[in-house]
């Protein structure tokens, strides 16, 4: 049983790493709309860059699985990884989280020829979130429209073959009518250390000899800033459609990489998801 549970967690986090590159509004809590105990399953059609820094895109059809237990205290998700959520008061939560970071295959793009593969691996860290749901109704209980606000901070450190660490800061607003629709708008920024930057944007001497790129050794710094949006539509009490998109701008040493200059620092992605929620 323990082996099966570990396999399930690994599978869910592995298939979810592609969705992790998708916009923030596809996060499981936005897809399901509830922090209570539930199981959400669905499928997402996603268009993402071939790799971070590419000017070409791939299409992927990926499963969505989101399990929240004990009123959201424990979660296993293809979009958020696996972790624990400890709550302080009505609006603040924090806890540990483990995710799986995508590697990169040399065969993913013609621009990667000669660079070899980048190994993926697990990341361990923690997060803190300040969420204020039902902001309008908090002050006016007769109001039908609703406004949600959230601000999050997440830190993840690579384990084993996943080198380096990254920190993500984000904030977002959601406006809509409960059980009808919700429009989300978010902004986020990611800081990555030198080891992380070198894995995905650096060019070693050996890679330079095998590829067309000059040697490049990036430092740590702000990797990207992004703005994202989504539209959640409730088809019925248990069904939801999520249409989402994101624009991401690579910055600093990441944008100066010869690999990114051969591709593009402007990264766009988006897609649509259909999700069904079940309360056990």
C-alpha atoms as a PDB file:
ATOM      1  CA  UNK A   1       0.000   0.000   0.000  1.00  0.00           C
ATOM      2  CA  UNK A   2       2.794   2.449   0.847  1.00  0.00           C
ATOM      3  CA  UNK A   3       4.462   1.659  -2.473  1.00  0.00           C
ATOM      4  CA  UNK A   4       1.200   2.262  -4.339  1.00  0.00           C
ATOM      5  CA  UNK A   5       0.627   5.603  -2.578  1.00  0.00           C
ATOM      6  CA  UNK A   6       4.177   6.722  -3.448  1.00  0.00           C
ATOM      7  CA  UNK A   7       3.636   5.654  -7.072  1.00  0.00           C
ATOM      8  CA  UNK A   8       0.344   7.594  -7.203  1.00  0.00           C
ATOM      9  CA  UNK A   9       1.939  10.748  -5.810  1.00  0.00           C
ATOM     10  CA  UNK A  10       4.896  10.464  -8.195  1.00  0.00           C
ATOM     11  CA  UNK A  11       2.634   9.902 -11.213  1.00  0.00           C
ATOM     12  CA  UNK A  12       0.370  12.817 -10.330  1.00  0.00           C
ATOM     13  CA  UNK A  13       3.231  15.253  -9.825  1.00  0.00           C
ATOM     14  CA  UNK A  14       5.057  14.093 -12.954  1.00  0.00           C
ATOM     15  CA  UNK A  15       2.115  14.555 -15.332  1.00  0.00           C
ATOM     16  CA  UNK A  16       1.351  17.833 -13.628  1.00  0.00           C
ATOM     17  CA  UNK A  17       4.688  19.480 -14.310  1.00  0.00           C
ATOM     18  CA  UNK A  18       3.522  20.548 -17.753  1.00  0.00           C
ATOM     19  CA  UNK A  19       0.534  22.203 -16.130  1.00  0.00           C
ATOM     20  CA  UNK A  20       2.897  23.830 -13.665  1.00  0.00           C
ATOM     21  CA  UNK A  21       4.229  25.808 -16.619  1.00  0.00           C
ATOM     22  CA  UNK A  22       0.688  26.912 -17.389  1.00  0.00           C
ATOM     23  CA  UNK A  23      -0.830  30.075 -15.916  1.00  0.00           C
ATOM     24  CA  UNK A  24      -1.466  30.498 -12.242  1.00  0.00           C
ATOM     25  CA  UNK A  25      -5.274  30.523 -12.577  1.00  0.00           C
ATOM     26  CA  UNK A  26      -5.250  26.840 -13.533  1.00  0.00           C
ATOM     27  CA  UNK A  27      -4.191  26.066  -9.964  1.00  0.00           C
ATOM     28  CA  UNK A  28      -6.326  23.372  -8.412  1.00  0.00           C
ATOM     29  CA  UNK A  29      -8.067  25.619  -5.904  1.00  0.00           C
ATOM     30  CA  UNK A  30      -9.313  27.822  -8.741  1.00  0.00           C
ATOM     31  CA  UNK A  31     -10.421  24.919 -10.887  1.00  0.00           C
ATOM     32  CA  UNK A  32     -12.433  23.339  -8.122  1.00  0.00           C
ATOM     33  CA  UNK A  33     -13.557  26.545  -6.460  1.00  0.00           C
ATOM     34  CA  UNK A  34     -13.675  25.009  -2.976  1.00  0.00           C
ATOM     35  CA  UNK A  35     -11.131  24.339  -0.237  1.00  0.00           C
ATOM     36  CA  UNK A  36     -13.293  21.636   1.313  1.00  0.00           C
ATOM     37  CA  UNK A  37     -12.709  17.884   1.123  1.00  0.00           C
ATOM     38  CA  UNK A  38     -13.152  16.853  -2.506  1.00  0.00           C
ATOM     39  CA  UNK A  39     -11.759  14.984  -5.483  1.00  0.00           C
ATOM     40  CA  UNK A  40     -11.513  16.791  -8.823  1.00  0.00           C
ATOM     41  CA  UNK A  41     -10.648  15.052 -12.086  1.00  0.00           C
ATOM     42  CA  UNK A  42     -10.455  16.401 -15.602  1.00  0.00           C
ATOM     43  CA  UNK A  43      -8.388  16.980 -18.699  1.00  0.00           C
ATOM     44  CA  UNK A  44      -6.579  20.039 -20.031  1.00  0.00           C
ATOM     45  CA  UNK A  45      -5.557  20.871 -23.591  1.00  0.00           C
ATOM     46  CA  UNK A  46      -2.451  23.064 -23.265  1.00  0.00           C
ATOM     47  CA  UNK A  47      -0.256  24.897 -25.764  1.00  0.00           C
ATOM     48  CA  UNK A  48       3.182  25.648 -24.256  1.00  0.00           C
ATOM     49  CA  UNK A  49       6.650  26.561 -25.598  1.00  0.00           C
ATOM     50  CA  UNK A  50       8.833  23.607 -26.585  1.00  0.00           C
ATOM     51  CA  UNK A  51      11.118  24.667 -23.724  1.00  0.00           C
ATOM     52  CA  UNK A  52      11.457  27.802 -21.620  1.00  0.00           C
ATOM     53  CA  UNK A  53      13.008  30.283 -24.035  1.00  0.00           C
ATOM     54  CA  UNK A  54      11.707  28.686 -27.236  1.00  0.00           C
ATOM     55  CA  UNK A  55       9.882  30.546 -29.994  1.00  0.00           C
ATOM     56  CA  UNK A  56       7.981  27.382 -30.998  1.00  0.00           C
ATOM     57  CA  UNK A  57       5.030  25.707 -29.252  1.00  0.00           C
ATOM     58  CA  UNK A  58       3.817  22.178 -28.506  1.00  0.00           C
ATOM     59  CA  UNK A  59       0.295  20.890 -27.893  1.00  0.00           C
ATOM     60  CA  UNK A  60      -0.293  18.612 -24.903  1.00  0.00           C
ATOM     61  CA  UNK A  61      -3.390  16.885 -23.541  1.00  0.00           C
ATOM     62  CA  UNK A  62      -2.887  16.277 -19.830  1.00  0.00           C
ATOM     63  CA  UNK A  63      -4.934  14.876 -16.951  1.00  0.00           C
ATOM     64  CA  UNK A  64      -5.957  16.934 -13.934  1.00  0.00           C
ATOM     65  CA  UNK A  65      -6.266  15.241 -10.554  1.00  0.00           C
ATOM     66  CA  UNK A  66      -6.789  17.184  -7.360  1.00  0.00           C
ATOM     67  CA  UNK A  67      -7.454  15.527  -3.999  1.00  0.00           C
ATOM     68  CA  UNK A  68      -8.053  17.606  -0.880  1.00  0.00           C
ATOM     69  CA  UNK A  69      -8.630  15.921   2.485  1.00  0.00           C
ATOM     70  CA  UNK A  70      -9.613  17.083   5.953  1.00  0.00           C
ATOM     71  CA  UNK A  71     -11.132  20.358   4.668  1.00  0.00           C
ATOM     72  CA  UNK A  72      -8.101  21.175   2.572  1.00  0.00           C
ATOM     73  CA  UNK A  73      -5.421  20.452   5.169  1.00  0.00           C
ATOM     74  CA  UNK A  74      -3.811  17.756   3.014  1.00  0.00           C
ATOM     75  CA  UNK A  75      -3.588  17.887  -0.780  1.00  0.00           C
ATOM     76  CA  UNK A  76      -2.234  15.844  -3.668  1.00  0.00           C
ATOM     77  CA  UNK A  77      -2.512  17.568  -7.009  1.00  0.00           C
ATOM     78  CA  UNK A  78      -1.164  17.486 -10.554  1.00  0.00           C
ATOM     79  CA  UNK A  79      -0.930  21.292 -10.421  1.00  0.00           C
ATOM     80  CA  UNK A  80       0.232  21.991  -6.858  1.00  0.00           C
ATOM     81  CA  UNK A  81       2.170  18.862  -5.905  1.00  0.00           C
ATOM     82  CA  UNK A  82       1.613  17.285  -2.507  1.00  0.00           C
ATOM     83  CA  UNK A  83       1.656  19.038   0.828  1.00  0.00           C
ATOM     84  CA  UNK A  84       0.061  20.176   4.038  1.00  0.00           C
ATOM     85  CA  UNK A  85      -1.860  23.404   4.600  1.00  0.00           C
ATOM     86  CA  UNK A  86      -1.866  24.807   8.123  1.00  0.00           C
ATOM     87  CA  UNK A  87      -4.277  27.684   8.636  1.00  0.00           C
ATOM     88  CA  UNK A  88      -3.868  30.683  10.912  1.00  0.00           C
ATOM     89  CA  UNK A  89      -7.077  32.618  11.302  1.00  0.00           C
ATOM     90  CA  UNK A  90      -9.487  33.024   8.412  1.00  0.00           C
ATOM     91  CA  UNK A  91      -7.146  34.177   5.676  1.00  0.00           C
ATOM     92  CA  UNK A  92      -3.564  32.928   6.179  1.00  0.00           C
ATOM     93  CA  UNK A  93      -2.135  29.466   5.466  1.00  0.00           C
ATOM     94  CA  UNK A  94       1.305  27.924   5.123  1.00  0.00           C
ATOM     95  CA  UNK A  95       2.966  24.549   4.922  1.00  0.00           C
ATOM     96  CA  UNK A  96       5.480  22.194   3.292  1.00  0.00           C
ATOM     97  CA  UNK A  97       5.142  21.099  -0.318  1.00  0.00           C
ATOM     98  CA  UNK A  98       6.896  18.669  -2.653  1.00  0.00           C
ATOM     99  CA  UNK A  99       6.748  18.917  -6.431  1.00  0.00           C
ATOM    100  CA  UNK A 100       8.368  17.390  -9.473  1.00  0.00           C
ATOM    101  CA  UNK A 101      10.420  19.693 -11.711  1.00  0.00           C
ATOM    102  CA  UNK A 102      10.479  19.081 -15.446  1.00  0.00           C
ATOM    103  CA  UNK A 103      13.757  18.203 -17.038  1.00  0.00           C
ATOM    104  CA  UNK A 104      14.520  18.956 -20.671  1.00  0.00           C
ATOM    105  CA  UNK A 105      15.175  16.599 -23.577  1.00  0.00           C
ATOM    106  CA  UNK A 106      17.683  17.544 -26.255  1.00  0.00           C
ATOM    107  CA  UNK A 107      15.220  16.204 -28.823  1.00  0.00           C
ATOM    108  CA  UNK A 108      12.487  18.630 -27.715  1.00  0.00           C
ATOM    109  CA  UNK A 109      13.685  21.294 -30.156  1.00  0.00           C
ATOM    110  CA  UNK A 110      16.203  21.896 -32.929  1.00  0.00           C
ATOM    111  CA  UNK A 111      17.587  24.746 -30.798  1.00  0.00           C
ATOM    112  CA  UNK A 112      18.670  22.239 -28.124  1.00  0.00           C
ATOM    113  CA  UNK A 113      20.900  20.117 -30.365  1.00  0.00           C
ATOM    114  CA  UNK A 114      24.275  19.546 -28.760  1.00  0.00           C
ATOM    115  CA  UNK A 115      23.210  20.705 -25.305  1.00  0.00           C
ATOM    116  CA  UNK A 116      22.318  17.283 -23.925  1.00  0.00           C
ATOM    117  CA  UNK A 117      19.442  16.504 -21.576  1.00  0.00           C
ATOM    118  CA  UNK A 118      18.598  18.283 -18.324  1.00  0.00           C
ATOM    119  CA  UNK A 119      17.486  15.842 -15.637  1.00  0.00           C
ATOM    120  CA  UNK A 120      14.244  16.455 -13.792  1.00  0.00           C
ATOM    121  CA  UNK A 121      13.719  15.678 -10.139  1.00  0.00           C
ATOM    122  CA  UNK A 122      11.771  16.426  -7.016  1.00  0.00           C
ATOM    123  CA  UNK A 123      11.727  19.796  -5.296  1.00  0.00           C
ATOM    124  CA  UNK A 124      11.060  20.263  -1.608  1.00  0.00           C
ATOM    125  CA  UNK A 125      10.037  23.514  -0.004  1.00  0.00           C
ATOM    126  CA  UNK A 126       7.222  25.464   1.509  1.00  0.00           C
ATOM    127  CA  UNK A 127       4.681  28.151   0.817  1.00  0.00           C
ATOM    128  CA  UNK A 128       2.731  30.895   2.550  1.00  0.00           C
ATOM    129  CA  UNK A 129      -0.561  32.271   1.251  1.00  0.00           C
ATOM    130  CA  UNK A 130      -2.862  35.091   2.193  1.00  0.00           C
ATOM    131  CA  UNK A 131      -6.300  34.536   0.676  1.00  0.00           C
ATOM    132  CA  UNK A 132      -9.345  36.721   1.213  1.00  0.00           C
ATOM    133  CA  UNK A 133     -12.369  35.043  -0.406  1.00  0.00           C
ATOM    134  CA  UNK A 134     -15.790  36.659  -0.724  1.00  0.00           C
ATOM    135  CA  UNK A 135     -14.265  40.104  -0.231  1.00  0.00           C
ATOM    136  CA  UNK A 136     -17.366  41.995  -1.389  1.00  0.00           C
ATOM    137  CA  UNK A 137     -19.777  39.815   0.580  1.00  0.00           C
ATOM    138  CA  UNK A 138     -17.542  40.150   3.631  1.00  0.00           C
ATOM    139  CA  UNK A 139     -18.676  43.771   3.825  1.00  0.00           C
ATOM    140  CA  UNK A 140     -22.026  43.479   2.009  1.00  0.00           C
ATOM    141  CA  UNK A 141     -23.810  40.167   2.523  1.00  0.00           C
ATOM    142  CA  UNK A 142     -26.549  41.121   0.027  1.00  0.00           C
ATOM    143  CA  UNK A 143     -24.142  41.481  -2.907  1.00  0.00           C
ATOM    144  CA  UNK A 144     -24.222  38.779  -5.600  1.00  0.00           C
ATOM    145  CA  UNK A 145     -20.906  39.601  -7.338  1.00  0.00           C
ATOM    146  CA  UNK A 146     -17.839  38.372  -5.554  1.00  0.00           C
ATOM    147  CA  UNK A 147     -14.182  39.418  -5.360  1.00  0.00           C
ATOM    148  CA  UNK A 148     -11.353  37.133  -4.228  1.00  0.00           C
ATOM    149  CA  UNK A 149      -7.806  38.272  -3.452  1.00  0.00           C
ATOM    150  CA  UNK A 150      -4.701  36.188  -2.851  1.00  0.00           C
ATOM    151  CA  UNK A 151      -0.971  36.706  -2.387  1.00  0.00           C
ATOM    152  CA  UNK A 152       1.458  33.777  -2.259  1.00  0.00           C
ATOM    153  CA  UNK A 153       5.135  33.096  -1.684  1.00  0.00           C
ATOM    154  CA  UNK A 154       6.686  29.714  -2.528  1.00  0.00           C
ATOM    155  CA  UNK A 155      10.244  28.451  -2.090  1.00  0.00           C
ATOM    156  CA  UNK A 156      11.450  25.206  -3.708  1.00  0.00           C
ATOM    157  CA  UNK A 157      14.887  23.560  -3.539  1.00  0.00           C
ATOM    158  CA  UNK A 158      15.883  20.808  -5.932  1.00  0.00           C
ATOM    159  CA  UNK A 159      16.691  17.324  -4.656  1.00  0.00           C
ATOM    160  CA  UNK A 160      19.182  14.958  -6.266  1.00  0.00           C
ATOM    161  CA  UNK A 161      19.386  15.582 -10.011  1.00  0.00           C
ATOM    162  CA  UNK A 162      17.214  18.718  -9.772  1.00  0.00           C
ATOM    163  CA  UNK A 163      19.805  21.390  -9.031  1.00  0.00           C
ATOM    164  CA  UNK A 164      19.311  24.846  -7.572  1.00  0.00           C
ATOM    165  CA  UNK A 165      16.404  26.626  -5.964  1.00  0.00           C
ATOM    166  CA  UNK A 166      13.734  29.092  -6.966  1.00  0.00           C
ATOM    167  CA  UNK A 167      11.338  31.428  -5.186  1.00  0.00           C
ATOM    168  CA  UNK A 168       7.994  32.490  -6.643  1.00  0.00           C
ATOM    169  CA  UNK A 169       5.952  35.507  -5.588  1.00  0.00           C
ATOM    170  CA  UNK A 170       2.478  36.140  -6.935  1.00  0.00           C
ATOM    171  CA  UNK A 171      -0.799  37.914  -6.389  1.00  0.00           C
ATOM    172  CA  UNK A 172      -4.188  37.688  -8.022  1.00  0.00           C
ATOM    173  CA  UNK A 173      -7.791  38.852  -8.148  1.00  0.00           C
ATOM    174  CA  UNK A 174     -10.882  36.896  -9.046  1.00  0.00           C
ATOM    175  CA  UNK A 175     -14.258  38.477  -9.844  1.00  0.00           C
ATOM    176  CA  UNK A 176     -17.506  36.714 -10.585  1.00  0.00           C
ATOM    177  CA  UNK A 177     -20.825  35.313  -9.473  1.00  0.00           C
ATOM    178  CA  UNK A 178     -20.794  32.137  -7.391  1.00  0.00           C
ATOM    179  CA  UNK A 179     -21.811  28.984  -9.262  1.00  0.00           C
ATOM    180  CA  UNK A 180     -21.864  30.974 -12.520  1.00  0.00           C
ATOM    181  CA  UNK A 181     -18.489  32.335 -13.637  1.00  0.00           C
ATOM    182  CA  UNK A 182     -15.235  33.755 -12.314  1.00  0.00           C
ATOM    183  CA  UNK A 183     -12.658  35.934 -14.095  1.00  0.00           C
ATOM    184  CA  UNK A 184      -9.124  35.712 -12.670  1.00  0.00           C
ATOM    185  CA  UNK A 185      -6.158  38.021 -13.197  1.00  0.00           C
ATOM    186  CA  UNK A 186      -2.734  37.316 -11.714  1.00  0.00           C
ATOM    187  CA  UNK A 187       0.869  38.508 -11.780  1.00  0.00           C
ATOM    188  CA  UNK A 188       3.933  36.614 -10.585  1.00  0.00           C
ATOM    189  CA  UNK A 189       7.724  36.754 -10.574  1.00  0.00           C
ATOM    190  CA  UNK A 190      10.319  34.010 -10.076  1.00  0.00           C
ATOM    191  CA  UNK A 191      13.849  34.355  -8.685  1.00  0.00           C
ATOM    192  CA  UNK A 192      16.278  31.504  -9.431  1.00  0.00           C
ATOM    193  CA  UNK A 193      19.756  30.877  -8.076  1.00  0.00           C
ATOM    194  CA  UNK A 194      22.926  30.373 -10.132  1.00  0.00           C
ATOM    195  CA  UNK A 195      22.705  26.568 -10.209  1.00  0.00           C
ATOM    196  CA  UNK A 196      19.133  26.634 -11.513  1.00  0.00           C
ATOM    197  CA  UNK A 197      19.954  29.275 -14.111  1.00  0.00           C
ATOM    198  CA  UNK A 198      22.983  27.333 -15.328  1.00  0.00           C
ATOM    199  CA  UNK A 199      20.950  24.136 -15.773  1.00  0.00           C
ATOM    200  CA  UNK A 200      18.367  25.740 -18.076  1.00  0.00           C
ATOM    201  CA  UNK A 201      20.115  28.768 -19.585  1.00  0.00           C
ATOM    202  CA  UNK A 202      23.870  28.191 -19.245  1.00  0.00           C
ATOM    203  CA  UNK A 203      26.228  26.903 -21.946  1.00  0.00           C
ATOM    204  CA  UNK A 204      29.263  24.925 -20.729  1.00  0.00           C
ATOM    205  CA  UNK A 205      32.521  24.514 -22.646  1.00  0.00           C
ATOM    206  CA  UNK A 206      31.498  21.027 -23.729  1.00  0.00           C
ATOM    207  CA  UNK A 207      28.048  22.175 -24.821  1.00  0.00           C
ATOM    208  CA  UNK A 208      29.614  25.055 -26.732  1.00  0.00           C
ATOM    209  CA  UNK A 209      31.835  22.659 -28.649  1.00  0.00           C
ATOM    210  CA  UNK A 210      28.876  20.455 -29.603  1.00  0.00           C
ATOM    211  CA  UNK A 211      26.436  23.233 -30.423  1.00  0.00           C
ATOM    212  CA  UNK A 212      26.393  26.573 -32.186  1.00  0.00           C
ATOM    213  CA  UNK A 213      26.339  28.583 -28.965  1.00  0.00           C
ATOM    214  CA  UNK A 214      29.137  30.442 -27.222  1.00  0.00           C
ATOM    215  CA  UNK A 215      30.003  29.577 -23.630  1.00  0.00           C
ATOM    216  CA  UNK A 216      27.685  31.321 -21.172  1.00  0.00           C
ATOM    217  CA  UNK A 217      27.603  31.270 -17.360  1.00  0.00           C
ATOM    218  CA  UNK A 218      24.555  33.054 -15.909  1.00  0.00           C
ATOM    219  CA  UNK A 219      24.252  34.307 -12.351  1.00  0.00           C
ATOM    220  CA  UNK A 220      21.238  33.996 -10.110  1.00  0.00           C
ATOM    221  CA  UNK A 221      18.551  36.641 -10.374  1.00  0.00           C
ATOM    222  CA  UNK A 222      15.019  37.427 -11.428  1.00  0.00           C
ATOM    223  CA  UNK A 223      14.214  34.750 -14.015  1.00  0.00           C
ATOM    224  CA  UNK A 224      10.860  35.992 -15.277  1.00  0.00           C
ATOM    225  CA  UNK A 225       7.810  38.118 -14.660  1.00  0.00           C
ATOM    226  CA  UNK A 226       4.378  37.088 -15.889  1.00  0.00           C
ATOM    227  CA  UNK A 227       0.752  38.110 -16.144  1.00  0.00           C
ATOM    228  CA  UNK A 228      -2.009  35.528 -16.447  1.00  0.00           C
ATOM    229  CA  UNK A 229      -5.753  35.426 -16.847  1.00  0.00           C
ATOM    230  CA  UNK A 230      -8.491  32.818 -16.861  1.00  0.00           C
ATOM    231  CA  UNK A 231     -12.236  32.422 -17.142  1.00  0.00           C
ATOM    232  CA  UNK A 232     -13.935  29.777 -15.002  1.00  0.00           C
ATOM    233  CA  UNK A 233     -17.444  28.785 -16.104  1.00  0.00           C
ATOM    234  CA  UNK A 234     -19.629  26.480 -14.002  1.00  0.00           C
ATOM    235  CA  UNK A 235     -21.665  24.305 -16.357  1.00  0.00           C
ATOM    236  CA  UNK A 236     -23.377  22.636 -13.404  1.00  0.00           C
ATOM    237  CA  UNK A 237     -22.749  22.301  -9.685  1.00  0.00           C
ATOM    238  CA  UNK A 238     -20.064  19.655 -10.266  1.00  0.00           C
ATOM    239  CA  UNK A 239     -18.677  20.656 -13.690  1.00  0.00           C
ATOM    240  CA  UNK A 240     -16.420  23.540 -14.633  1.00  0.00           C
ATOM    241  CA  UNK A 241     -14.653  24.812 -17.768  1.00  0.00           C
ATOM    242  CA  UNK A 242     -11.464  26.818 -17.343  1.00  0.00           C
ATOM    243  CA  UNK A 243     -10.015  28.893 -20.209  1.00  0.00           C
ATOM    244  CA  UNK A 244      -6.603  30.307 -19.395  1.00  0.00           C
ATOM    245  CA  UNK A 245      -3.609  32.137 -20.830  1.00  0.00           C
ATOM    246  CA  UNK A 246      -0.304  33.625 -19.710  1.00  0.00           C
ATOM    247  CA  UNK A 247       2.370  35.954 -21.030  1.00  0.00           C
ATOM    248  CA  UNK A 248       5.796  35.454 -19.462  1.00  0.00           C
ATOM    249  CA  UNK A 249       8.859  37.647 -20.036  1.00  0.00           C
ATOM    250  CA  UNK A 250      12.266  36.156 -19.321  1.00  0.00           C
ATOM    251  CA  UNK A 251      14.561  38.708 -17.695  1.00  0.00           C
ATOM    252  CA  UNK A 252      18.145  39.281 -16.568  1.00  0.00           C
ATOM    253  CA  UNK A 253      20.723  36.578 -17.220  1.00  0.00           C
ATOM    254  CA  UNK A 254      18.029  34.164 -18.393  1.00  0.00           C
ATOM    255  CA  UNK A 255      17.016  36.519 -21.206  1.00  0.00           C
ATOM    256  CA  UNK A 256      20.682  37.115 -22.109  1.00  0.00           C
ATOM    257  CA  UNK A 257      21.339  33.401 -22.675  1.00  0.00           C
ATOM    258  CA  UNK A 258      22.416  32.537 -26.247  1.00  0.00           C
ATOM    259  CA  UNK A 259      19.753  29.829 -26.167  1.00  0.00           C
ATOM    260  CA  UNK A 260      16.986  32.345 -25.421  1.00  0.00           C
ATOM    261  CA  UNK A 261      18.348  34.795 -27.978  1.00  0.00           C
ATOM    262  CA  UNK A 262      18.050  32.036 -30.581  1.00  0.00           C
ATOM    263  CA  UNK A 263      14.465  31.541 -29.441  1.00  0.00           C
ATOM    264  CA  UNK A 264      12.560  34.302 -27.656  1.00  0.00           C
ATOM    265  CA  UNK A 265      12.331  35.866 -24.182  1.00  0.00           C
ATOM    266  CA  UNK A 266       8.591  36.342 -24.788  1.00  0.00           C
ATOM    267  CA  UNK A 267       6.739  33.222 -23.686  1.00  0.00           C
ATOM    268  CA  UNK A 268       3.031  32.685 -24.300  1.00  0.00           C
ATOM    269  CA  UNK A 269       0.939  29.724 -23.266  1.00  0.00           C
ATOM    270  CA  UNK A 270      -2.691  28.833 -22.750  1.00  0.00           C
ATOM    271  CA  UNK A 271      -5.427  26.272 -23.077  1.00  0.00           C
ATOM    272  CA  UNK A 272      -8.749  24.967 -21.836  1.00  0.00           C
ATOM    273  CA  UNK A 273      -9.653  22.476 -19.107  1.00  0.00           C
ATOM    274  CA  UNK A 274     -12.785  20.531 -18.224  1.00  0.00           C
ATOM    275  CA  UNK A 275     -13.048  19.460 -14.579  1.00  0.00           C
ATOM    276  CA  UNK A 276     -15.539  17.379 -12.586  1.00  0.00           C
ATOM    277  CA  UNK A 277     -15.658  17.644  -8.783  1.00  0.00           C
ATOM    278  CA  UNK A 278     -16.799  14.916  -6.401  1.00  0.00           C
ATOM    279  CA  UNK A 279     -17.390  15.232  -2.654  1.00  0.00           C
ATOM    280  CA  UNK A 280     -16.556  11.874  -1.013  1.00  0.00           C
END
